[in-house]
Amino acid sequence: MKPRFFLLLVLGVVWLSAALPGHAQNNLPNGGHPQSLPTVTLHINNAELTTEVASTPEQQETGLMYRTKMDDNHGMIFLLPTITYADFWMRNTFIPLSVAYIDKNGVILEIHDMKPLDETPIFSKSDQVAYALEANLHWFALNGIKPGDKIVPPPATLGKPGK
């Protein structure tokens, strides 16, 4: 094999390997990058949580994917399109989280822990879920928050709950 042809072959392989991952990322939600959304401060009992608001289907699909860390007392609230059962999973999510399922009045119905990269859905037991609130793993427990506690301001002030 001539040296010039070999060099062109190697350069072609390098170029192809660099081009393919970028192409594959175009098929990932938000292009495989964390999103940054507007925030609101929520209060639950004596705890304060700076919360990104995911209101569109695209924002909700990406959620907290691709992040490698999240500050204490930070999270994301999802304004779900309908009031019904809910299910969340951890596709492309690298940090451990807890999720609270919340009714239309801002009352926490259930709290579940989720494992990084686990795509097994965490289903709600209630069919009255209007919002979901994700925070760092055990954030709710560490702050003494449990089902029956209410979020202030009510999530309905952030956007219309589903019908």
N, C-alpha and C. Protein backbone atom coordinates (compact mmCIF):
# COMPACT_ATOMS: atom_id res chain seq x y z
N MET A 1 0.85 -1.17 0.00
CA MET A 1 0.00 0.00 0.00
C MET A 1 0.90 1.24 0.00
N LYS A 2 0.58 2.21 -0.85
CA LYS A 2 1.39 3.42 -0.92
C LYS A 2 1.13 4.28 0.31
N PRO A 3 2.16 4.97 0.81
CA PRO A 3 2.01 5.78 2.02
C PRO A 3 0.93 6.86 1.87
N ARG A 4 0.82 7.46 0.71
CA ARG A 4 -0.16 8.54 0.53
C ARG A 4 -1.57 7.97 0.63
N PHE A 5 -1.82 6.82 0.01
CA PHE A 5 -3.13 6.18 0.08
C PHE A 5 -3.46 5.77 1.51
N PHE A 6 -2.47 5.24 2.24
CA PHE A 6 -2.66 4.83 3.62
C PHE A 6 -3.04 6.04 4.49
N LEU A 7 -2.35 7.16 4.27
CA LEU A 7 -2.64 8.38 5.03
C LEU A 7 -4.06 8.84 4.74
N LEU A 8 -4.48 8.82 3.49
CA LEU A 8 -5.84 9.22 3.14
C LEU A 8 -6.87 8.27 3.78
N LEU A 9 -6.54 7.00 3.80
CA LEU A 9 -7.43 6.01 4.41
C LEU A 9 -7.59 6.28 5.91
N VAL A 10 -6.49 6.53 6.61
CA VAL A 10 -6.52 6.82 8.04
C VAL A 10 -7.31 8.10 8.30
N LEU A 11 -7.05 9.14 7.53
CA LEU A 11 -7.78 10.40 7.70
C LEU A 11 -9.28 10.21 7.45
N GLY A 12 -9.63 9.40 6.50
CA GLY A 12 -11.04 9.11 6.22
C GLY A 12 -11.72 8.40 7.38
N VAL A 13 -11.04 7.42 7.97
CA VAL A 13 -11.59 6.70 9.12
C VAL A 13 -11.75 7.65 10.30
N VAL A 14 -10.75 8.51 10.57
CA VAL A 14 -10.84 9.48 11.66
C VAL A 14 -12.01 10.43 11.43
N TRP A 15 -12.14 10.95 10.22
CA TRP A 15 -13.23 11.87 9.90
C TRP A 15 -14.58 11.18 10.08
N LEU A 16 -14.71 9.96 9.60
CA LEU A 16 -15.96 9.23 9.70
C LEU A 16 -16.33 8.96 11.16
N SER A 17 -15.36 8.58 11.97
CA SER A 17 -15.65 8.30 13.38
C SER A 17 -16.04 9.57 14.12
N ALA A 18 -15.50 10.71 13.73
CA ALA A 18 -15.88 11.98 14.36
C ALA A 18 -17.25 12.43 13.89
N ALA A 19 -17.59 12.14 12.66
CA ALA A 19 -18.87 12.61 12.11
C ALA A 19 -20.05 11.79 12.60
N LEU A 20 -19.90 10.52 12.81
CA LEU A 20 -21.03 9.67 13.19
C LEU A 20 -21.63 10.00 14.54
N PRO A 21 -20.85 10.21 15.63
CA PRO A 21 -21.49 10.52 16.90
C PRO A 21 -22.32 11.79 16.84
N GLY A 22 -21.86 12.80 16.13
CA GLY A 22 -22.65 14.04 16.00
C GLY A 22 -23.96 13.78 15.29
N HIS A 23 -23.93 12.94 14.29
CA HIS A 23 -25.15 12.60 13.57
C HIS A 23 -26.11 11.85 14.50
N ALA A 24 -25.59 10.94 15.28
CA ALA A 24 -26.43 10.18 16.21
C ALA A 24 -27.02 11.09 17.27
N GLN A 25 -26.29 12.12 17.69
CA GLN A 25 -26.80 13.04 18.71
C GLN A 25 -28.01 13.82 18.21
N ASN A 26 -28.12 14.04 16.92
CA ASN A 26 -29.27 14.77 16.38
C ASN A 26 -30.57 14.04 16.64
N ASN A 27 -30.51 12.74 16.89
CA ASN A 27 -31.72 11.97 17.17
C ASN A 27 -32.06 11.96 18.65
N LEU A 28 -31.21 12.53 19.51
CA LEU A 28 -31.44 12.57 20.94
C LEU A 28 -32.25 13.81 21.30
N PRO A 29 -33.06 13.73 22.36
CA PRO A 29 -33.76 14.93 22.80
C PRO A 29 -32.77 16.05 23.09
N ASN A 30 -33.09 17.25 22.64
CA ASN A 30 -32.26 18.44 22.84
C ASN A 30 -30.84 18.25 22.31
N GLY A 31 -30.67 17.38 21.31
CA GLY A 31 -29.37 17.16 20.70
C GLY A 31 -28.34 16.55 21.63
N GLY A 32 -28.80 15.94 22.73
CA GLY A 32 -27.88 15.31 23.67
C GLY A 32 -27.24 16.29 24.65
N HIS A 33 -27.84 17.47 24.81
CA HIS A 33 -27.30 18.49 25.70
C HIS A 33 -28.30 18.82 26.80
N PRO A 34 -27.82 19.17 28.02
CA PRO A 34 -28.74 19.60 29.07
C PRO A 34 -29.47 20.87 28.63
N GLN A 35 -30.69 21.03 29.10
CA GLN A 35 -31.43 22.24 28.80
C GLN A 35 -31.40 23.18 30.01
N SER A 36 -31.65 24.43 29.76
CA SER A 36 -31.74 25.42 30.83
C SER A 36 -33.08 26.13 30.64
N LEU A 37 -33.92 26.07 31.66
CA LEU A 37 -35.28 26.61 31.57
C LEU A 37 -35.48 27.71 32.60
N PRO A 38 -36.52 28.53 32.42
CA PRO A 38 -36.84 29.55 33.43
C PRO A 38 -37.10 28.88 34.78
N THR A 39 -36.77 29.59 35.85
CA THR A 39 -36.93 29.02 37.19
C THR A 39 -37.96 29.78 38.02
N VAL A 40 -38.45 29.08 39.01
CA VAL A 40 -39.35 29.65 40.02
C VAL A 40 -38.94 29.03 41.35
N THR A 41 -39.11 29.77 42.43
CA THR A 41 -38.80 29.23 43.75
C THR A 41 -40.08 28.69 44.36
N LEU A 42 -40.06 27.42 44.73
CA LEU A 42 -41.19 26.77 45.37
C LEU A 42 -40.87 26.55 46.85
N HIS A 43 -41.90 26.59 47.67
CA HIS A 43 -41.76 26.35 49.11
C HIS A 43 -42.64 25.16 49.47
N ILE A 44 -42.05 24.24 50.22
CA ILE A 44 -42.80 23.11 50.76
C ILE A 44 -42.42 23.03 52.23
N ASN A 45 -43.39 23.26 53.10
CA ASN A 45 -43.11 23.37 54.54
C ASN A 45 -42.04 24.45 54.72
N ASN A 46 -40.92 24.13 55.35
CA ASN A 46 -39.85 25.11 55.56
C ASN A 46 -38.75 25.03 54.51
N ALA A 47 -38.92 24.20 53.51
CA ALA A 47 -37.89 24.01 52.49
C ALA A 47 -38.16 24.89 51.28
N GLU A 48 -37.06 25.30 50.65
CA GLU A 48 -37.14 26.13 49.45
C GLU A 48 -36.42 25.40 48.32
N LEU A 49 -37.05 25.36 47.14
CA LEU A 49 -36.49 24.65 46.00
C LEU A 49 -36.53 25.55 44.77
N THR A 50 -35.36 25.85 44.19
CA THR A 50 -35.28 26.58 42.94
C THR A 50 -35.55 25.58 41.84
N THR A 51 -36.61 25.84 41.08
CA THR A 51 -37.16 24.82 40.19
C THR A 51 -37.28 25.32 38.76
N GLU A 52 -36.69 24.58 37.83
CA GLU A 52 -36.89 24.87 36.41
C GLU A 52 -38.29 24.40 36.03
N VAL A 53 -38.95 25.14 35.15
CA VAL A 53 -40.32 24.82 34.76
C VAL A 53 -40.32 24.22 33.35
N ALA A 54 -40.70 22.93 33.26
CA ALA A 54 -40.82 22.23 31.97
C ALA A 54 -42.29 22.20 31.60
N SER A 55 -42.67 23.04 30.64
CA SER A 55 -44.09 23.16 30.31
C SER A 55 -44.46 22.61 28.94
N THR A 56 -43.50 22.52 28.02
CA THR A 56 -43.81 22.02 26.69
C THR A 56 -43.45 20.53 26.59
N PRO A 57 -44.04 19.82 25.63
CA PRO A 57 -43.68 18.41 25.46
C PRO A 57 -42.18 18.21 25.22
N GLU A 58 -41.54 19.10 24.46
CA GLU A 58 -40.11 18.98 24.18
C GLU A 58 -39.29 19.16 25.45
N GLN A 59 -39.65 20.16 26.26
CA GLN A 59 -38.94 20.39 27.52
C GLN A 59 -39.12 19.21 28.46
N GLN A 60 -40.31 18.66 28.50
CA GLN A 60 -40.59 17.54 29.38
C GLN A 60 -39.88 16.28 28.92
N GLU A 61 -39.76 16.09 27.61
CA GLU A 61 -39.05 14.91 27.09
C GLU A 61 -37.58 14.95 27.51
N THR A 62 -36.97 16.12 27.46
CA THR A 62 -35.56 16.25 27.84
C THR A 62 -35.40 16.25 29.35
N GLY A 63 -36.27 16.94 30.07
CA GLY A 63 -36.21 16.97 31.53
C GLY A 63 -34.81 17.27 32.04
N LEU A 64 -34.31 16.45 32.94
CA LEU A 64 -32.98 16.63 33.53
C LEU A 64 -31.93 15.72 32.87
N MET A 65 -32.19 15.28 31.64
CA MET A 65 -31.23 14.44 30.92
C MET A 65 -29.90 15.15 30.74
N TYR A 66 -28.86 14.35 30.66
CA TYR A 66 -27.49 14.75 30.29
C TYR A 66 -26.77 15.56 31.36
N ARG A 67 -27.37 15.79 32.50
CA ARG A 67 -26.68 16.54 33.56
C ARG A 67 -25.84 15.59 34.39
N THR A 68 -24.70 16.09 34.81
CA THR A 68 -23.83 15.26 35.65
C THR A 68 -23.91 15.68 37.11
N LYS A 69 -24.54 16.82 37.38
CA LYS A 69 -24.74 17.27 38.75
C LYS A 69 -25.90 18.28 38.78
N MET A 70 -26.44 18.47 39.97
CA MET A 70 -27.46 19.49 40.17
C MET A 70 -27.25 20.04 41.58
N ASP A 71 -27.28 21.34 41.71
CA ASP A 71 -27.08 21.97 43.01
C ASP A 71 -28.12 21.50 44.01
N ASP A 72 -27.74 21.53 45.30
CA ASP A 72 -28.71 21.25 46.36
C ASP A 72 -29.86 22.24 46.23
N ASN A 73 -31.03 21.83 46.61
CA ASN A 73 -32.21 22.70 46.60
C ASN A 73 -32.56 23.22 45.20
N HIS A 74 -32.26 22.40 44.19
CA HIS A 74 -32.66 22.69 42.81
C HIS A 74 -33.42 21.49 42.28
N GLY A 75 -34.30 21.73 41.31
CA GLY A 75 -35.07 20.66 40.73
C GLY A 75 -35.77 21.11 39.46
N MET A 76 -36.76 20.33 39.05
CA MET A 76 -37.55 20.65 37.85
C MET A 76 -38.98 20.22 38.09
N ILE A 77 -39.93 21.13 37.75
CA ILE A 77 -41.34 20.79 37.83
C ILE A 77 -41.89 20.64 36.42
N PHE A 78 -42.69 19.61 36.24
CA PHE A 78 -43.29 19.29 34.95
C PHE A 78 -44.78 19.62 35.01
N LEU A 79 -45.25 20.49 34.12
CA LEU A 79 -46.66 20.83 34.02
C LEU A 79 -47.27 19.85 33.02
N LEU A 80 -47.85 18.79 33.53
CA LEU A 80 -48.30 17.68 32.68
C LEU A 80 -49.52 18.07 31.85
N PRO A 81 -49.67 17.50 30.66
CA PRO A 81 -50.74 17.91 29.75
C PRO A 81 -52.14 17.46 30.17
N THR A 82 -52.23 16.40 30.96
CA THR A 82 -53.54 15.92 31.41
C THR A 82 -53.42 15.46 32.86
N ILE A 83 -54.55 15.47 33.54
CA ILE A 83 -54.60 14.95 34.91
C ILE A 83 -54.96 13.47 34.79
N THR A 84 -54.01 12.63 35.17
CA THR A 84 -54.19 11.19 35.02
C THR A 84 -53.07 10.49 35.79
N TYR A 85 -52.85 9.22 35.51
CA TYR A 85 -51.69 8.51 36.02
C TYR A 85 -50.44 9.11 35.37
N ALA A 86 -49.31 9.00 36.05
CA ALA A 86 -48.06 9.50 35.48
C ALA A 86 -46.99 8.42 35.57
N ASP A 87 -46.01 8.52 34.69
CA ASP A 87 -44.85 7.64 34.79
C ASP A 87 -43.62 8.41 34.32
N PHE A 88 -42.55 8.26 35.07
CA PHE A 88 -41.27 8.91 34.76
C PHE A 88 -40.19 7.85 34.77
N TRP A 89 -39.13 8.07 33.99
CA TRP A 89 -37.99 7.17 33.94
C TRP A 89 -36.74 8.01 33.80
N MET A 90 -35.59 7.37 33.78
CA MET A 90 -34.31 8.07 33.88
C MET A 90 -33.44 7.91 32.63
N ARG A 91 -34.05 7.84 31.47
CA ARG A 91 -33.28 7.71 30.23
C ARG A 91 -32.31 8.90 30.12
N ASN A 92 -31.03 8.61 29.87
CA ASN A 92 -29.99 9.61 29.69
C ASN A 92 -29.86 10.56 30.88
N THR A 93 -30.29 10.13 32.06
CA THR A 93 -30.21 10.96 33.26
C THR A 93 -29.16 10.34 34.18
N PHE A 94 -28.11 11.11 34.44
CA PHE A 94 -26.94 10.58 35.12
C PHE A 94 -26.94 10.81 36.64
N ILE A 95 -27.84 11.66 37.12
CA ILE A 95 -27.87 11.95 38.56
C ILE A 95 -29.07 11.25 39.20
N PRO A 96 -28.91 10.71 40.41
CA PRO A 96 -30.03 10.06 41.08
C PRO A 96 -31.06 11.11 41.52
N LEU A 97 -32.33 10.80 41.33
CA LEU A 97 -33.40 11.76 41.62
C LEU A 97 -34.51 11.11 42.44
N SER A 98 -35.30 11.98 43.06
CA SER A 98 -36.58 11.59 43.62
C SER A 98 -37.64 12.38 42.88
N VAL A 99 -38.81 11.78 42.69
CA VAL A 99 -39.91 12.46 42.00
C VAL A 99 -41.12 12.46 42.90
N ALA A 100 -41.79 13.62 42.96
CA ALA A 100 -43.06 13.73 43.68
C ALA A 100 -44.16 13.92 42.65
N TYR A 101 -45.20 13.13 42.76
CA TYR A 101 -46.38 13.31 41.93
C TYR A 101 -47.36 14.18 42.71
N ILE A 102 -47.92 15.19 42.03
CA ILE A 102 -48.66 16.26 42.70
C ILE A 102 -50.02 16.44 42.03
N ASP A 103 -51.05 16.72 42.82
CA ASP A 103 -52.38 16.94 42.24
C ASP A 103 -52.56 18.39 41.79
N LYS A 104 -53.72 18.71 41.21
CA LYS A 104 -53.96 20.04 40.63
C LYS A 104 -53.95 21.15 41.67
N ASN A 105 -54.11 20.82 42.96
CA ASN A 105 -54.10 21.82 44.03
C ASN A 105 -52.72 21.99 44.66
N GLY A 106 -51.72 21.29 44.16
CA GLY A 106 -50.37 21.41 44.69
C GLY A 106 -50.07 20.50 45.86
N VAL A 107 -50.93 19.51 46.10
CA VAL A 107 -50.72 18.58 47.19
C VAL A 107 -49.92 17.38 46.68
N ILE A 108 -48.86 17.04 47.41
CA ILE A 108 -48.02 15.89 47.04
C ILE A 108 -48.80 14.61 47.31
N LEU A 109 -48.93 13.80 46.28
CA LEU A 109 -49.65 12.53 46.37
C LEU A 109 -48.71 11.38 46.72
N GLU A 110 -47.53 11.35 46.08
CA GLU A 110 -46.58 10.24 46.22
C GLU A 110 -45.17 10.76 45.99
N ILE A 111 -44.20 10.08 46.57
CA ILE A 111 -42.78 10.38 46.34
C ILE A 111 -42.07 9.06 46.05
N HIS A 112 -41.26 9.05 44.98
CA HIS A 112 -40.53 7.84 44.58
C HIS A 112 -39.07 8.19 44.32
N ASP A 113 -38.17 7.26 44.60
CA ASP A 113 -36.75 7.41 44.28
C ASP A 113 -36.47 6.74 42.95
N MET A 114 -35.54 7.34 42.18
CA MET A 114 -35.20 6.83 40.86
C MET A 114 -33.69 6.67 40.73
N LYS A 115 -33.28 5.65 39.99
CA LYS A 115 -31.86 5.34 39.79
C LYS A 115 -31.37 5.91 38.46
N PRO A 116 -30.14 6.44 38.43
CA PRO A 116 -29.59 6.97 37.18
C PRO A 116 -29.63 5.93 36.06
N LEU A 117 -29.98 6.40 34.89
CA LEU A 117 -29.98 5.62 33.64
C LEU A 117 -30.96 4.45 33.64
N ASP A 118 -31.83 4.35 34.64
CA ASP A 118 -32.82 3.27 34.70
C ASP A 118 -34.04 3.68 33.88
N GLU A 119 -34.31 2.94 32.84
CA GLU A 119 -35.43 3.27 31.95
C GLU A 119 -36.73 2.58 32.36
N THR A 120 -36.74 1.95 33.54
CA THR A 120 -37.96 1.34 34.04
C THR A 120 -38.89 2.44 34.54
N PRO A 121 -40.09 2.55 34.00
CA PRO A 121 -40.99 3.63 34.43
C PRO A 121 -41.40 3.49 35.89
N ILE A 122 -41.49 4.64 36.56
CA ILE A 122 -42.01 4.72 37.93
C ILE A 122 -43.44 5.24 37.79
N PHE A 123 -44.40 4.35 37.94
CA PHE A 123 -45.81 4.68 37.74
C PHE A 123 -46.41 5.25 39.02
N SER A 124 -47.30 6.22 38.86
CA SER A 124 -48.05 6.73 40.01
C SER A 124 -49.16 5.75 40.34
N LYS A 125 -49.54 5.72 41.61
CA LYS A 125 -50.69 4.93 42.02
C LYS A 125 -51.98 5.72 41.80
N SER A 126 -51.86 7.04 41.86
CA SER A 126 -53.01 7.93 41.72
C SER A 126 -53.25 8.29 40.26
N ASP A 127 -54.52 8.50 39.94
CA ASP A 127 -54.88 8.97 38.60
C ASP A 127 -55.16 10.48 38.61
N GLN A 128 -54.74 11.17 39.67
CA GLN A 128 -54.99 12.60 39.82
C GLN A 128 -53.73 13.45 39.69
N VAL A 129 -52.71 12.94 39.01
CA VAL A 129 -51.43 13.64 38.89
C VAL A 129 -51.53 14.73 37.82
N ALA A 130 -51.25 15.97 38.25
CA ALA A 130 -51.24 17.12 37.34
C ALA A 130 -49.82 17.65 37.13
N TYR A 131 -48.94 17.39 38.11
CA TYR A 131 -47.57 17.88 38.08
C TYR A 131 -46.64 16.80 38.61
N ALA A 132 -45.38 16.90 38.19
CA ALA A 132 -44.33 16.06 38.77
C ALA A 132 -43.17 16.97 39.12
N LEU A 133 -42.57 16.73 40.26
CA LEU A 133 -41.46 17.55 40.74
C LEU A 133 -40.26 16.64 41.00
N GLU A 134 -39.17 16.86 40.24
CA GLU A 134 -37.94 16.09 40.43
C GLU A 134 -36.94 16.93 41.22
N ALA A 135 -36.26 16.27 42.16
CA ALA A 135 -35.21 16.89 42.96
C ALA A 135 -34.11 15.84 43.17
N ASN A 136 -33.00 16.27 43.72
CA ASN A 136 -31.93 15.33 44.02
C ASN A 136 -32.46 14.20 44.90
N LEU A 137 -31.85 13.02 44.76
CA LEU A 137 -32.27 11.84 45.51
C LEU A 137 -32.36 12.15 47.00
N HIS A 138 -33.49 11.78 47.60
CA HIS A 138 -33.78 11.94 49.03
C HIS A 138 -34.00 13.39 49.46
N TRP A 139 -34.07 14.34 48.53
CA TRP A 139 -34.28 15.74 48.92
C TRP A 139 -35.56 15.89 49.73
N PHE A 140 -36.62 15.23 49.31
CA PHE A 140 -37.90 15.33 50.03
C PHE A 140 -37.75 14.80 51.45
N ALA A 141 -37.16 13.62 51.60
CA ALA A 141 -36.99 13.01 52.92
C ALA A 141 -36.08 13.87 53.81
N LEU A 142 -34.98 14.36 53.24
CA LEU A 142 -34.04 15.18 54.02
C LEU A 142 -34.69 16.47 54.52
N ASN A 143 -35.74 16.92 53.84
CA ASN A 143 -36.43 18.14 54.23
C ASN A 143 -37.75 17.86 54.94
N GLY A 144 -37.98 16.61 55.31
CA GLY A 144 -39.18 16.25 56.06
C GLY A 144 -40.47 16.39 55.26
N ILE A 145 -40.36 16.28 53.94
CA ILE A 145 -41.53 16.44 53.07
C ILE A 145 -42.12 15.07 52.76
N LYS A 146 -43.44 14.99 52.84
CA LYS A 146 -44.12 13.71 52.66
C LYS A 146 -45.44 13.93 51.93
N PRO A 147 -46.07 12.85 51.46
CA PRO A 147 -47.38 12.98 50.84
C PRO A 147 -48.35 13.71 51.78
N GLY A 148 -49.16 14.57 51.18
CA GLY A 148 -50.10 15.40 51.94
C GLY A 148 -49.60 16.82 52.11
N ASP A 149 -48.26 17.04 51.97
CA ASP A 149 -47.72 18.39 52.06
C ASP A 149 -48.06 19.16 50.79
N LYS A 150 -48.14 20.49 50.92
CA LYS A 150 -48.58 21.33 49.81
C LYS A 150 -47.46 22.26 49.35
N ILE A 151 -47.40 22.49 48.04
CA ILE A 151 -46.41 23.36 47.41
C ILE A 151 -46.97 24.78 47.36
N VAL A 152 -46.10 25.76 47.69
CA VAL A 152 -46.45 27.18 47.61
C VAL A 152 -45.39 27.87 46.78
N PRO A 153 -45.73 28.67 45.77
CA PRO A 153 -47.09 28.87 45.30
C PRO A 153 -47.62 27.61 44.63
N PRO A 154 -48.94 27.48 44.57
CA PRO A 154 -49.50 26.29 43.91
C PRO A 154 -48.99 26.20 42.47
N PRO A 155 -48.68 25.01 42.00
CA PRO A 155 -48.16 24.87 40.64
C PRO A 155 -49.09 25.45 39.57
N ALA A 156 -50.39 25.57 39.86
CA ALA A 156 -51.32 26.12 38.86
C ALA A 156 -50.96 27.55 38.50
N THR A 157 -50.21 28.25 39.38
CA THR A 157 -49.78 29.61 39.04
C THR A 157 -48.67 29.62 38.00
N LEU A 158 -48.05 28.46 37.78
CA LEU A 158 -46.96 28.34 36.81
C LEU A 158 -47.48 28.08 35.40
N GLY A 159 -48.66 27.57 35.32
CA GLY A 159 -49.27 27.21 34.04
C GLY A 159 -50.49 26.36 34.32
N LYS A 160 -51.33 26.30 33.36
CA LYS A 160 -52.59 25.56 33.52
C LYS A 160 -52.35 24.07 33.64
N PRO A 161 -52.91 23.44 34.68
CA PRO A 161 -52.79 21.98 34.75
C PRO A 161 -53.61 21.34 33.64
N GLY A 162 -53.27 20.10 33.33
CA GLY A 162 -53.99 19.38 32.30
C GLY A 162 -55.45 19.22 32.66
N LYS A 163 -56.24 18.88 31.66
CA LYS A 163 -57.69 18.71 31.89
C LYS A 163 -58.01 17.28 32.21
